[in-house]
C-alpha atoms as a PDB file:
ATOM      1  CA  MET A   1      49.962  66.824 -28.742  1.00  0.00           C
ATOM      2  CA  PHE A   2      50.821  63.200 -28.766  1.00  0.00           C
ATOM      3  CA  ALA A   3      53.823  61.555 -28.410  1.00  0.00           C
ATOM      4  CA  PHE A   4      54.540  57.701 -29.598  1.00  0.00           C
ATOM      5  CA  CYS A   5      57.713  56.234 -29.071  1.00  0.00           C
ATOM      6  CA  GLY A   6      59.290  53.470 -32.021  1.00  0.00           C
ATOM      7  CA  PRO A   7      62.045  53.237 -33.963  1.00  0.00           C
ATOM      8  CA  LEU A   8      60.969  54.972 -37.055  1.00  0.00           C
ATOM      9  CA  ALA A   9      63.380  57.649 -37.262  1.00  0.00           C
ATOM     10  CA  ALA A  10      66.366  58.920 -35.505  1.00  0.00           C
ATOM     11  CA  ARG A  11      63.810  61.975 -34.295  1.00  0.00           C
ATOM     12  CA  PRO A  12      59.985  61.993 -33.925  1.00  0.00           C
ATOM     13  CA  ALA A  13      58.234  62.859 -37.161  1.00  0.00           C
ATOM     14  CA  LEU A  14      55.863  65.465 -36.657  1.00  0.00           C
ATOM     15  CA  ILE A  15      52.438  65.395 -38.314  1.00  0.00           C
ATOM     16  CA  SER A  16      50.062  68.255 -38.217  1.00  0.00           C
ATOM     17  CA  LEU A  17      46.795  67.198 -37.891  1.00  0.00           C
ATOM     18  CA  VAL A  18      43.937  69.928 -39.069  1.00  0.00           C
ATOM     19  CA  LYS A  19      40.233  69.698 -38.553  1.00  0.00           C
ATOM     20  CA  SER A  20      37.594  72.407 -39.419  1.00  0.00           C
ATOM     21  CA  GLU A  21      34.539  71.058 -38.571  1.00  0.00           C
ATOM     22  CA  GLN A  22      33.149  69.178 -35.137  1.00  0.00           C
ATOM     23  CA  ARG A  23      31.341  66.396 -36.147  1.00  0.00           C
ATOM     24  CA  GLU A  24      31.135  62.758 -34.629  1.00  0.00           C
ATOM     25  CA  GLU A  25      32.497  61.090 -37.760  1.00  0.00           C
ATOM     26  CA  TYR A  26      35.392  63.354 -37.671  1.00  0.00           C
ATOM     27  CA  GLU A  27      35.894  62.230 -34.158  1.00  0.00           C
ATOM     28  CA  GLN A  28      35.664  58.845 -34.731  1.00  0.00           C
ATOM     29  CA  ALA A  29      37.809  58.762 -37.435  1.00  0.00           C
ATOM     30  CA  SER A  30      40.379  60.949 -35.677  1.00  0.00           C
ATOM     31  CA  LYS A  31      40.629  58.880 -32.653  1.00  0.00           C
ATOM     32  CA  ALA A  32      41.016  55.722 -34.951  1.00  0.00           C
ATOM     33  CA  ILE A  33      44.076  57.401 -36.721  1.00  0.00           C
ATOM     34  CA  ILE A  34      45.860  57.979 -33.164  1.00  0.00           C
ATOM     35  CA  SER A  35      44.900  54.854 -31.862  1.00  0.00           C
ATOM     36  CA  VAL A  36      46.687  52.812 -34.989  1.00  0.00           C
ATOM     37  CA  LEU A  37      49.669  55.218 -34.625  1.00  0.00           C
ATOM     38  CA  GLU A  38      50.066  54.149 -30.836  1.00  0.00           C
ATOM     39  CA  ASP A  39      49.868  50.474 -31.264  1.00  0.00           C
ATOM     40  CA  HIS A  40      52.463  50.598 -33.844  1.00  0.00           C
ATOM     41  CA  ARG A  41      54.415  52.736 -31.342  1.00  0.00           C
ATOM     42  CA  GLN A  42      56.115  54.673 -33.924  1.00  0.00           C
ATOM     43  CA  GLU A  43      58.323  57.728 -33.090  1.00  0.00           C
ATOM     44  CA  VAL A  44      55.497  60.339 -34.048  1.00  0.00           C
ATOM     45  CA  ARG A  45      54.235  63.414 -32.690  1.00  0.00           C
ATOM     46  CA  ILE A  46      50.931  64.694 -33.544  1.00  0.00           C
ATOM     47  CA  GLU A  47      49.733  68.236 -33.245  1.00  0.00           C
ATOM     48  CA  GLU A  48      46.028  68.930 -33.617  1.00  0.00           C
ATOM     49  CA  SER A  49      44.882  72.128 -34.693  1.00  0.00           C
ATOM     50  CA  PHE A  50      41.436  73.340 -35.549  1.00  0.00           C
ATOM     51  CA  LEU A  51      40.963  75.727 -38.735  1.00  0.00           C
ATOM     52  CA  GLU A  52      38.170  78.233 -38.466  1.00  0.00           C
ATOM     53  CA  SER A  53      35.918  77.633 -41.442  1.00  0.00           C
ATOM     54  CA  ASP A  54      34.733  81.221 -41.961  1.00  0.00           C
ATOM     55  CA  GLY A  55      37.928  81.804 -43.868  1.00  0.00           C
ATOM     56  CA  ASP A  56      39.642  84.741 -41.772  1.00  0.00           C
ATOM     57  CA  GLY A  57      43.306  84.212 -40.652  1.00  0.00           C
ATOM     58  CA  GLU A  58      43.770  81.243 -43.214  1.00  0.00           C
ATOM     59  CA  GLU A  59      47.255  82.510 -44.432  1.00  0.00           C
ATOM     60  CA  GLN A  60      48.169  82.791 -40.929  1.00  0.00           C
ATOM     61  CA  PHE A  61      46.930  79.667 -39.718  1.00  0.00           C
ATOM     62  CA  TRP A  62      48.927  77.892 -42.481  1.00  0.00           C
ATOM     63  CA  ASP A  63      51.918  80.024 -41.658  1.00  0.00           C
ATOM     64  CA  ALA A  64      51.868  78.899 -38.375  1.00  0.00           C
ATOM     65  CA  VAL A  65      51.569  75.129 -39.380  1.00  0.00           C
ATOM     66  CA  LYS A  66      54.803  75.305 -41.851  1.00  0.00           C
ATOM     67  CA  THR A  67      56.771  77.070 -38.982  1.00  0.00           C
ATOM     68  CA  SER A  68      56.440  73.939 -36.836  1.00  0.00           C
ATOM     69  CA  GLN A  69      58.072  72.308 -39.977  1.00  0.00           C
ATOM     70  CA  PRO A  70      55.868  69.027 -40.071  1.00  0.00           C
ATOM     71  CA  GLU A  71      57.000  65.937 -42.403  1.00  0.00           C
ATOM     72  CA  LEU A  72      53.204  65.751 -43.206  1.00  0.00           C
ATOM     73  CA  ILE A  73      49.832  67.371 -42.829  1.00  0.00           C
ATOM     74  CA  LEU A  74      46.806  64.999 -42.247  1.00  0.00           C
ATOM     75  CA  THR A  75      43.410  66.820 -42.844  1.00  0.00           C
ATOM     76  CA  ILE A  76      39.740  65.566 -41.983  1.00  0.00           C
ATOM     77  CA  GLY A  77      36.827  66.718 -43.951  1.00  0.00           C
ATOM     78  CA  PRO A  78      36.837  69.098 -47.190  1.00  0.00           C
ATOM     79  CA  LEU A  79      36.891  72.159 -45.508  1.00  0.00           C
ATOM     80  CA  ALA A  80      40.439  71.384 -44.222  1.00  0.00           C
ATOM     81  CA  THR A  81      41.616  69.633 -47.142  1.00  0.00           C
ATOM     82  CA  ARG A  82      40.486  72.424 -49.553  1.00  0.00           C
ATOM     83  CA  SER A  83      42.488  74.865 -47.395  1.00  0.00           C
ATOM     84  CA  ALA A  84      45.544  73.042 -47.135  1.00  0.00           C
ATOM     85  CA  VAL A  85      45.675  72.334 -50.946  1.00  0.00           C
ATOM     86  CA  GLN A  86      45.426  76.121 -51.319  1.00  0.00           C
ATOM     87  CA  HIS A  87      48.255  77.305 -48.904  1.00  0.00           C
ATOM     88  CA  ILE A  88      50.513  74.169 -48.801  1.00  0.00           C
ATOM     89  CA  ASN A  89      53.074  73.225 -51.451  1.00  0.00           C
ATOM     90  CA  LYS A  90      56.289  71.672 -50.248  1.00  0.00           C
ATOM     91  CA  ILE A  91      54.914  69.357 -47.365  1.00  0.00           C
ATOM     92  CA  PRO A  92      53.169  65.983 -48.194  1.00  0.00           C
ATOM     93  CA  ILE A  93      49.314  65.929 -47.302  1.00  0.00           C
ATOM     94  CA  ILE A  94      47.258  63.406 -46.463  1.00  0.00           C
ATOM     95  CA  TYR A  95      43.609  63.730 -46.389  1.00  0.00           C
ATOM     96  CA  THR A  96      40.507  61.896 -45.252  1.00  0.00           C
ATOM     97  CA  LEU A  97      36.691  62.014 -45.079  1.00  0.00           C
ATOM     98  CA  VAL A  98      36.396  63.835 -48.781  1.00  0.00           C
ATOM     99  CA  LEU A  99      34.174  62.936 -51.404  1.00  0.00           C
ATOM    100  CA  GLU A 100      35.545  65.169 -54.219  1.00  0.00           C
ATOM    101  CA  ASN A 101      38.919  64.645 -55.657  1.00  0.00           C
ATOM    102  CA  PRO A 102      40.827  67.583 -54.134  1.00  0.00           C
ATOM    103  CA  ALA A 103      43.511  66.987 -56.920  1.00  0.00           C
ATOM    104  CA  ASP A 104      41.057  68.980 -58.905  1.00  0.00           C
ATOM    105  CA  LEU A 105      41.846  72.124 -56.477  1.00  0.00           C
ATOM    106  CA  GLN A 106      45.516  71.764 -56.574  1.00  0.00           C
ATOM    107  CA  SER A 107      47.209  74.802 -58.216  1.00  0.00           C
ATOM    108  CA  ASN A 108      50.538  73.492 -58.695  1.00  0.00           C
ATOM    109  CA  PRO A 109      50.078  69.619 -59.211  1.00  0.00           C
ATOM    110  CA  ALA A 110      53.863  69.032 -59.928  1.00  0.00           C
ATOM    111  CA  SER A 111      54.926  70.453 -56.607  1.00  0.00           C
ATOM    112  CA  GLN A 112      52.212  68.862 -54.276  1.00  0.00           C
ATOM    113  CA  GLN A 113      52.069  65.229 -52.673  1.00  0.00           C
ATOM    114  CA  LEU A 114      48.512  64.858 -52.142  1.00  0.00           C
ATOM    115  CA  SER A 115      47.520  61.506 -50.961  1.00  0.00           C
ATOM    116  CA  GLY A 116      44.314  60.095 -49.056  1.00  0.00           C
ATOM    117  CA  VAL A 117      41.318  58.014 -48.507  1.00  0.00           C
ATOM    118  CA  SER A 118      38.369  59.072 -50.292  1.00  0.00           C
ATOM    119  CA  LEU A 119      34.709  58.466 -49.032  1.00  0.00           C
ATOM    120  CA  THR A 120      33.745  57.497 -52.503  1.00  0.00           C
ATOM    121  CA  ILE A 121      32.348  54.066 -52.668  1.00  0.00           C
ATOM    122  CA  PRO A 122      33.089  52.756 -56.565  1.00  0.00           C
ATOM    123  CA  PRO A 123      30.096  52.561 -58.532  1.00  0.00           C
ATOM    124  CA  GLU A 124      30.583  49.198 -59.352  1.00  0.00           C
ATOM    125  CA  GLN A 125      30.654  48.102 -55.886  1.00  0.00           C
ATOM    126  CA  GLN A 126      27.300  50.063 -55.367  1.00  0.00           C
ATOM    127  CA  LEU A 127      25.786  48.420 -58.351  1.00  0.00           C
ATOM    128  CA  LYS A 128      26.865  45.094 -57.144  1.00  0.00           C
ATOM    129  CA  ILE A 129      25.455  45.503 -53.963  1.00  0.00           C
ATOM    130  CA  ILE A 130      21.978  46.572 -55.526  1.00  0.00           C
ATOM    131  CA  LYS A 131      21.885  44.013 -57.521  1.00  0.00           C
ATOM    132  CA  GLU A 132      22.298  41.147 -54.884  1.00  0.00           C
ATOM    133  CA  ALA A 133      19.853  43.190 -52.443  1.00  0.00           C
ATOM    134  CA  LEU A 134      17.142  44.014 -55.160  1.00  0.00           C
ATOM    135  CA  PRO A 135      17.581  41.257 -57.730  1.00  0.00           C
ATOM    136  CA  ASP A 136      14.157  42.084 -59.128  1.00  0.00           C
ATOM    137  CA  VAL A 137      15.287  45.742 -60.241  1.00  0.00           C
ATOM    138  CA  ARG A 138      15.461  46.239 -63.766  1.00  0.00           C
ATOM    139  CA  ARG A 139      15.530  49.900 -64.399  1.00  0.00           C
ATOM    140  CA  LEU A 140      17.451  51.865 -61.819  1.00  0.00           C
ATOM    141  CA  GLY A 141      16.548  55.916 -61.774  1.00  0.00           C
ATOM    142  CA  LEU A 142      19.167  58.687 -61.175  1.00  0.00           C
ATOM    143  CA  LEU A 143      19.149  62.413 -60.969  1.00  0.00           C
ATOM    144  CA  TYR A 144      22.359  64.333 -61.563  1.00  0.00           C
ATOM    145  CA  SER A 145      23.592  67.773 -61.780  1.00  0.00           C
ATOM    146  CA  PRO A 146      25.830  69.405 -64.602  1.00  0.00           C
ATOM    147  CA  GLN A 147      28.794  69.342 -61.941  1.00  0.00           C
ATOM    148  CA  SER A 148      28.490  65.527 -61.643  1.00  0.00           C
ATOM    149  CA  ASP A 149      28.069  64.968 -65.407  1.00  0.00           C
ATOM    150  CA  THR A 150      31.398  63.160 -65.855  1.00  0.00           C
ATOM    151  CA  MET A 151      30.345  60.867 -62.905  1.00  0.00           C
ATOM    152  CA  TYR A 152      27.115  60.179 -64.862  1.00  0.00           C
ATOM    153  CA  GLN A 153      28.833  59.362 -67.897  1.00  0.00           C
ATOM    154  CA  ALA A 154      30.992  57.084 -66.199  1.00  0.00           C
ATOM    155  CA  VAL A 155      28.320  55.196 -64.439  1.00  0.00           C
ATOM    156  CA  ARG A 156      26.452  55.032 -67.539  1.00  0.00           C
ATOM    157  CA  LYS A 157      28.872  52.932 -68.864  1.00  0.00           C
ATOM    158  CA  ILE A 158      29.154  50.688 -65.568  1.00  0.00           C
ATOM    159  CA  VAL A 159      25.343  50.279 -65.651  1.00  0.00           C
ATOM    160  CA  GLN A 160      25.412  48.900 -69.209  1.00  0.00           C
ATOM    161  CA  LYS A 161      27.422  46.244 -68.333  1.00  0.00           C
ATOM    162  CA  THR A 162      25.620  45.072 -65.317  1.00  0.00           C
ATOM    163  CA  GLY A 163      22.516  44.623 -67.133  1.00  0.00           C
ATOM    164  CA  LEU A 164      20.336  47.387 -65.956  1.00  0.00           C
ATOM    165  CA  ARG A 165      18.727  50.113 -67.606  1.00  0.00           C
ATOM    166  CA  LEU A 166      19.443  53.716 -66.359  1.00  0.00           C
ATOM    167  CA  VAL A 167      16.965  56.241 -66.516  1.00  0.00           C
ATOM    168  CA  ALA A 168      18.587  59.694 -65.882  1.00  0.00           C
ATOM    169  CA  GLU A 169      17.245  63.656 -65.425  1.00  0.00           C
ATOM    170  CA  GLU A 170      19.715  66.406 -65.195  1.00  0.00           C
ATOM    171  CA  VAL A 171      18.597  69.102 -62.719  1.00  0.00           C
ATOM    172  CA  ALA A 172      20.630  72.149 -62.459  1.00  0.00           C
ATOM    173  CA  THR A 173      19.271  73.409 -58.927  1.00  0.00           C
ATOM    174  CA  GLU A 174      17.269  71.924 -56.093  1.00  0.00           C
ATOM    175  CA  ARG A 175      14.233  73.551 -57.613  1.00  0.00           C
ATOM    176  CA  ASP A 176      14.102  71.043 -60.846  1.00  0.00           C
ATOM    177  CA  ILE A 177      14.054  68.031 -58.541  1.00  0.00           C
ATOM    178  CA  PRO A 178      10.599  67.269 -57.976  1.00  0.00           C
ATOM    179  CA  ALA A 179       9.473  67.997 -61.568  1.00  0.00           C
ATOM    180  CA  ALA A 180      12.674  65.707 -62.519  1.00  0.00           C
ATOM    181  CA  LEU A 181      11.558  62.886 -60.283  1.00  0.00           C
ATOM    182  CA  ARG A 182       7.924  62.881 -60.834  1.00  0.00           C
ATOM    183  CA  LYS A 183       9.102  62.010 -64.330  1.00  0.00           C
ATOM    184  CA  ILE A 184      10.866  59.589 -63.942  1.00  0.00           C
ATOM    185  CA  LEU A 185       9.332  57.338 -61.122  1.00  0.00           C
ATOM    186  CA  PRO A 186       6.760  55.770 -63.036  1.00  0.00           C
ATOM    187  CA  GLN A 187       9.666  54.384 -65.506  1.00  0.00           C
ATOM    188  CA  ILE A 188      11.830  52.851 -62.872  1.00  0.00           C
ATOM    189  CA  ASP A 189      12.093  49.843 -60.396  1.00  0.00           C
ATOM    190  CA  ALA A 190      14.293  51.401 -57.790  1.00  0.00           C
ATOM    191  CA  PHE A 191      15.745  55.323 -57.314  1.00  0.00           C
ATOM    192  CA  TRP A 192      19.543  55.282 -56.745  1.00  0.00           C
ATOM    193  CA  MET A 193      20.938  58.177 -54.818  1.00  0.00           C
ATOM    194  CA  PRO A 194      24.873  58.346 -55.364  1.00  0.00           C
ATOM    195  CA  PRO A 195      26.426  61.429 -53.975  1.00  0.00           C
ATOM    196  CA  ASP A 196      25.957  64.740 -55.600  1.00  0.00           C
ATOM    197  CA  GLU A 197      26.389  67.870 -53.856  1.00  0.00           C
ATOM    198  CA  VAL A 198      23.922  69.584 -55.870  1.00  0.00           C
ATOM    199  CA  VAL A 199      21.106  67.233 -56.082  1.00  0.00           C
ATOM    200  CA  TYR A 200      21.596  65.938 -52.231  1.00  0.00           C
ATOM    201  CA  ASP A 201      22.562  68.950 -50.459  1.00  0.00           C
ATOM    202  CA  ARG A 202      22.205  68.833 -46.682  1.00  0.00           C
ATOM    203  CA  ARG A 203      21.282  72.647 -46.598  1.00  0.00           C
ATOM    204  CA  PHE A 204      17.902  71.510 -48.333  1.00  0.00           C
ATOM    205  CA  PRO A 205      16.709  68.685 -46.044  1.00  0.00           C
ATOM    206  CA  HIS A 206      13.102  69.461 -47.409  1.00  0.00           C
ATOM    207  CA  ILE A 207      14.306  67.938 -50.839  1.00  0.00           C
ATOM    208  CA  LEU A 208      15.477  64.738 -49.219  1.00  0.00           C
ATOM    209  CA  ARG A 209      12.506  64.355 -47.593  1.00  0.00           C
ATOM    210  CA  PHE A 210      10.532  64.712 -50.635  1.00  0.00           C
ATOM    211  CA  ILE A 211      12.428  62.195 -52.544  1.00  0.00           C
ATOM    212  CA  LEU A 212      12.157  59.741 -49.834  1.00  0.00           C
ATOM    213  CA  LEU A 213       8.195  60.324 -49.457  1.00  0.00           C
ATOM    214  CA  GLU A 214       7.354  60.768 -53.059  1.00  0.00           C
ATOM    215  CA  SER A 215       9.283  57.597 -54.097  1.00  0.00           C
ATOM    216  CA  PHE A 216       7.736  55.508 -51.485  1.00  0.00           C
ATOM    217  CA  GLN A 217       4.090  56.561 -52.074  1.00  0.00           C
ATOM    218  CA  ASN A 218       5.056  55.764 -55.887  1.00  0.00           C
ATOM    219  CA  SER A 219       6.193  51.991 -54.494  1.00  0.00           C
ATOM    220  CA  VAL A 220       9.596  52.706 -55.350  1.00  0.00           C
ATOM    221  CA  PRO A 221      12.591  51.770 -53.033  1.00  0.00           C
ATOM    222  CA  VAL A 222      15.183  54.464 -52.433  1.00  0.00           C
ATOM    223  CA  ILE A 223      19.079  53.139 -52.614  1.00  0.00           C
ATOM    224  CA  ALA A 224      20.661  56.121 -50.354  1.00  0.00           C
ATOM    225  CA  MET A 225      24.156  56.708 -49.376  1.00  0.00           C
ATOM    226  CA  SER A 226      23.981  57.278 -45.412  1.00  0.00           C
ATOM    227  CA  VAL A 227      22.670  55.832 -42.322  1.00  0.00           C
ATOM    228  CA  HIS A 228      20.556  59.046 -41.901  1.00  0.00           C
ATOM    229  CA  LEU A 229      18.635  58.680 -44.871  1.00  0.00           C
ATOM    230  CA  ALA A 230      17.818  55.088 -44.013  1.00  0.00           C
ATOM    231  CA  THR A 231      16.729  56.291 -40.738  1.00  0.00           C
ATOM    232  CA  ALA A 232      14.568  58.899 -42.624  1.00  0.00           C
ATOM    233  CA  GLY A 233      12.902  56.371 -45.028  1.00  0.00           C
ATOM    234  CA  ALA A 234      15.314  54.821 -47.294  1.00  0.00           C
ATOM    235  CA  PRO A 235      14.744  50.764 -47.192  1.00  0.00           C
ATOM    236  CA  LEU A 236      18.368  50.511 -48.053  1.00  0.00           C
ATOM    237  CA  ALA A 237      21.313  52.686 -47.460  1.00  0.00           C
ATOM    238  CA  LEU A 238      25.248  52.193 -48.240  1.00  0.00           C
ATOM    239  CA  GLY A 239      27.529  53.866 -45.562  1.00  0.00           C
ATOM    240  CA  ILE A 240      30.818  54.114 -44.451  1.00  0.00           C
ATOM    241  CA  ASP A 241      32.792  52.627 -41.272  1.00  0.00           C
ATOM    242  CA  TYR A 242      34.346  55.860 -39.946  1.00  0.00           C
ATOM    243  CA  GLU A 243      36.392  53.871 -37.442  1.00  0.00           C
ATOM    244  CA  ASP A 244      38.060  51.759 -40.093  1.00  0.00           C
ATOM    245  CA  ILE A 245      38.381  54.639 -42.607  1.00  0.00           C
ATOM    246  CA  GLY A 246      40.656  56.161 -39.679  1.00  0.00           C
ATOM    247  CA  ARG A 247      42.540  53.036 -39.298  1.00  0.00           C
ATOM    248  CA  GLN A 248      43.266  52.805 -43.128  1.00  0.00           C
ATOM    249  CA  THR A 249      44.155  56.504 -43.197  1.00  0.00           C
ATOM    250  CA  ALA A 250      46.639  56.105 -40.556  1.00  0.00           C
ATOM    251  CA  GLU A 251      47.806  52.840 -42.276  1.00  0.00           C
ATOM    252  CA  LEU A 252      48.560  55.159 -45.210  1.00  0.00           C
ATOM    253  CA  VAL A 253      50.132  57.860 -42.970  1.00  0.00           C
ATOM    254  CA  LEU A 254      52.645  54.882 -41.773  1.00  0.00           C
ATOM    255  CA  LYS A 255      53.447  53.972 -45.480  1.00  0.00           C
ATOM    256  CA  LYS A 256      53.978  57.249 -46.444  1.00  0.00           C
ATOM    257  CA  LEU A 257      56.361  58.241 -43.443  1.00  0.00           C
ATOM    258  CA  THR A 258      58.184  54.687 -44.041  1.00  0.00           C
ATOM    259  CA  GLY A 259      58.672  54.972 -47.820  1.00  0.00           C
ATOM    260  CA  ARG A 260      56.497  52.029 -48.325  1.00  0.00           C
ATOM    261  CA  SER A 261      53.932  54.134 -50.175  1.00  0.00           C
ATOM    262  CA  SER A 262      53.268  53.180 -53.974  1.00  0.00           C
ATOM    263  CA  GLY A 263      53.618  56.735 -55.123  1.00  0.00           C
ATOM    264  CA  SER A 264      53.402  60.163 -54.369  1.00  0.00           C
ATOM    265  CA  ASN A 265      49.906  60.723 -54.965  1.00  0.00           C
ATOM    266  CA  VAL A 266      47.895  57.813 -53.715  1.00  0.00           C
ATOM    267  CA  VAL A 267      44.061  57.855 -53.473  1.00  0.00           C
ATOM    268  CA  GLU A 268      42.295  54.675 -51.727  1.00  0.00           C
ATOM    269  CA  ASN A 269      38.744  54.100 -51.583  1.00  0.00           C
ATOM    270  CA  PRO A 270      37.184  52.928 -48.225  1.00  0.00           C
ATOM    271  CA  ARG A 271      37.582  49.315 -47.600  1.00  0.00           C
ATOM    272  CA  LYS A 272      34.500  48.852 -45.652  1.00  0.00           C
ATOM    273  CA  VAL A 273      31.174  49.448 -46.985  1.00  0.00           C
ATOM    274  CA  VAL A 274      28.444  49.146 -44.293  1.00  0.00           C
ATOM    275  CA  ILE A 275      24.984  48.202 -45.570  1.00  0.00           C
ATOM    276  CA  TYR A 276      21.781  49.550 -43.612  1.00  0.00           C
ATOM    277  CA  ILE A 277      18.256  48.052 -44.020  1.00  0.00           C
ATOM    278  CA  ASN A 278      15.144  49.951 -42.949  1.00  0.00           C
ATOM    279  CA  GLU A 279      12.982  46.598 -42.621  1.00  0.00           C
ATOM    280  CA  TRP A 280       9.623  48.584 -41.810  1.00  0.00           C
ATOM    281  CA  VAL A 281      10.022  50.566 -45.131  1.00  0.00           C
ATOM    282  CA  ALA A 282      11.670  47.304 -46.791  1.00  0.00           C
ATOM    283  CA  SER A 283       8.832  45.528 -45.809  1.00  0.00           C
ATOM    284  CA  SER A 284       6.154  48.040 -46.867  1.00  0.00           C
ATOM    285  CA  LEU A 285       7.165  48.054 -50.209  1.00  0.00           C
ATOM    286  CA  GLY A 286       7.063  44.413 -50.279  1.00  0.00           C
ATOM    287  CA  LEU A 287      11.074  44.153 -50.707  1.00  0.00           C
ATOM    288  CA  LYS A 288      12.459  40.613 -50.246  1.00  0.00           C
ATOM    289  CA  ILE A 289      16.037  41.333 -49.521  1.00  0.00           C
ATOM    290  CA  PRO A 290      18.128  37.877 -49.944  1.00  0.00           C
ATOM    291  CA  SER A 291      19.775  36.859 -46.817  1.00  0.00           C
ATOM    292  CA  LYS A 292      23.234  37.005 -48.070  1.00  0.00           C
ATOM    293  CA  VAL A 293      22.852  40.822 -47.895  1.00  0.00           C
ATOM    294  CA  SER A 294      20.352  41.308 -44.620  1.00  0.00           C
ATOM    295  CA  ASP A 295      22.737  38.997 -42.728  1.00  0.00           C
ATOM    296  CA  GLN A 296      25.862  41.211 -43.044  1.00  0.00           C
ATOM    297  CA  ALA A 297      23.704  44.458 -42.801  1.00  0.00           C
ATOM    298  CA  ILE A 298      22.541  46.543 -39.846  1.00  0.00           C
ATOM    299  CA  SER A 299      19.194  47.296 -39.099  1.00  0.00           C
ATOM    300  CA  VAL A 300      17.729  50.633 -38.431  1.00  0.00           C
ATOM    301  CA  LYS A 301      14.814  51.915 -37.582  1.00  0.00           C
ATOM    302  CA  SER A 302      12.632  55.359 -38.874  1.00  0.00           C
ATOM    303  CA  GLY A 303      13.626  58.150 -36.628  1.00  0.00           C
ATOM    304  CA  ARG A 304      16.272  56.551 -34.933  1.00  0.00           C
END
């Protein structure tokens, strides 16, 4: 438990911070959140707790949280956020490090106050960086699942406005990916991997390796969405600064506590995007990434 002093309120505002996974990026965000609150010297108490991800005892866990009467619940990661949305109605929830829209899980949207900082980098921003980094690309490949069809339809309209041509294939399961990828590779200049929990499921790392290797062997650069995929062989990747997203989340918490938030349900995208370049892979593919992109990018090496 951490206590910070300041003139925010007559009594300290209790924030229940809930995590459900031990991951490095979660710890980075959590430390940044606490640091910002401390720097602002608000009268805030933070109670940290860990929700077991096996689902046992969830009801009792949230009953205990509600008994402590927090003014706000702050969840880190999708598991803690999904559970909070399903069990909490009257207490405002702020989430962070979540890709999906938790509002889709709300059982009673009218009574829930749900805000947060998403992991989603807007497609417009991704495409702008892609065009700047790979100016010779005209045909952009994409695989998508039925679950992400809404995202795909929105992306298709955005791509049309950029002058690029989108070559896409739908895949129902990870087993469909090899054939779908081999079908589109001869038709594209680059392959784009926006987040999709079916297509790029972490439980199937061999599929990710297949995509990177098959694309490389066909001289097609991959634009991925994490530094891990850049070190695995993607010449270009876009990622998140987890410390900054923690600071951004803390600032949203402060706005909520002081009534400066623009609404009861606010969703912010990450304000800082990190560009990663695997220079060996980029060079092997003959890519010449303009200096206005490479100068602000972080260089990574395969396997590091």
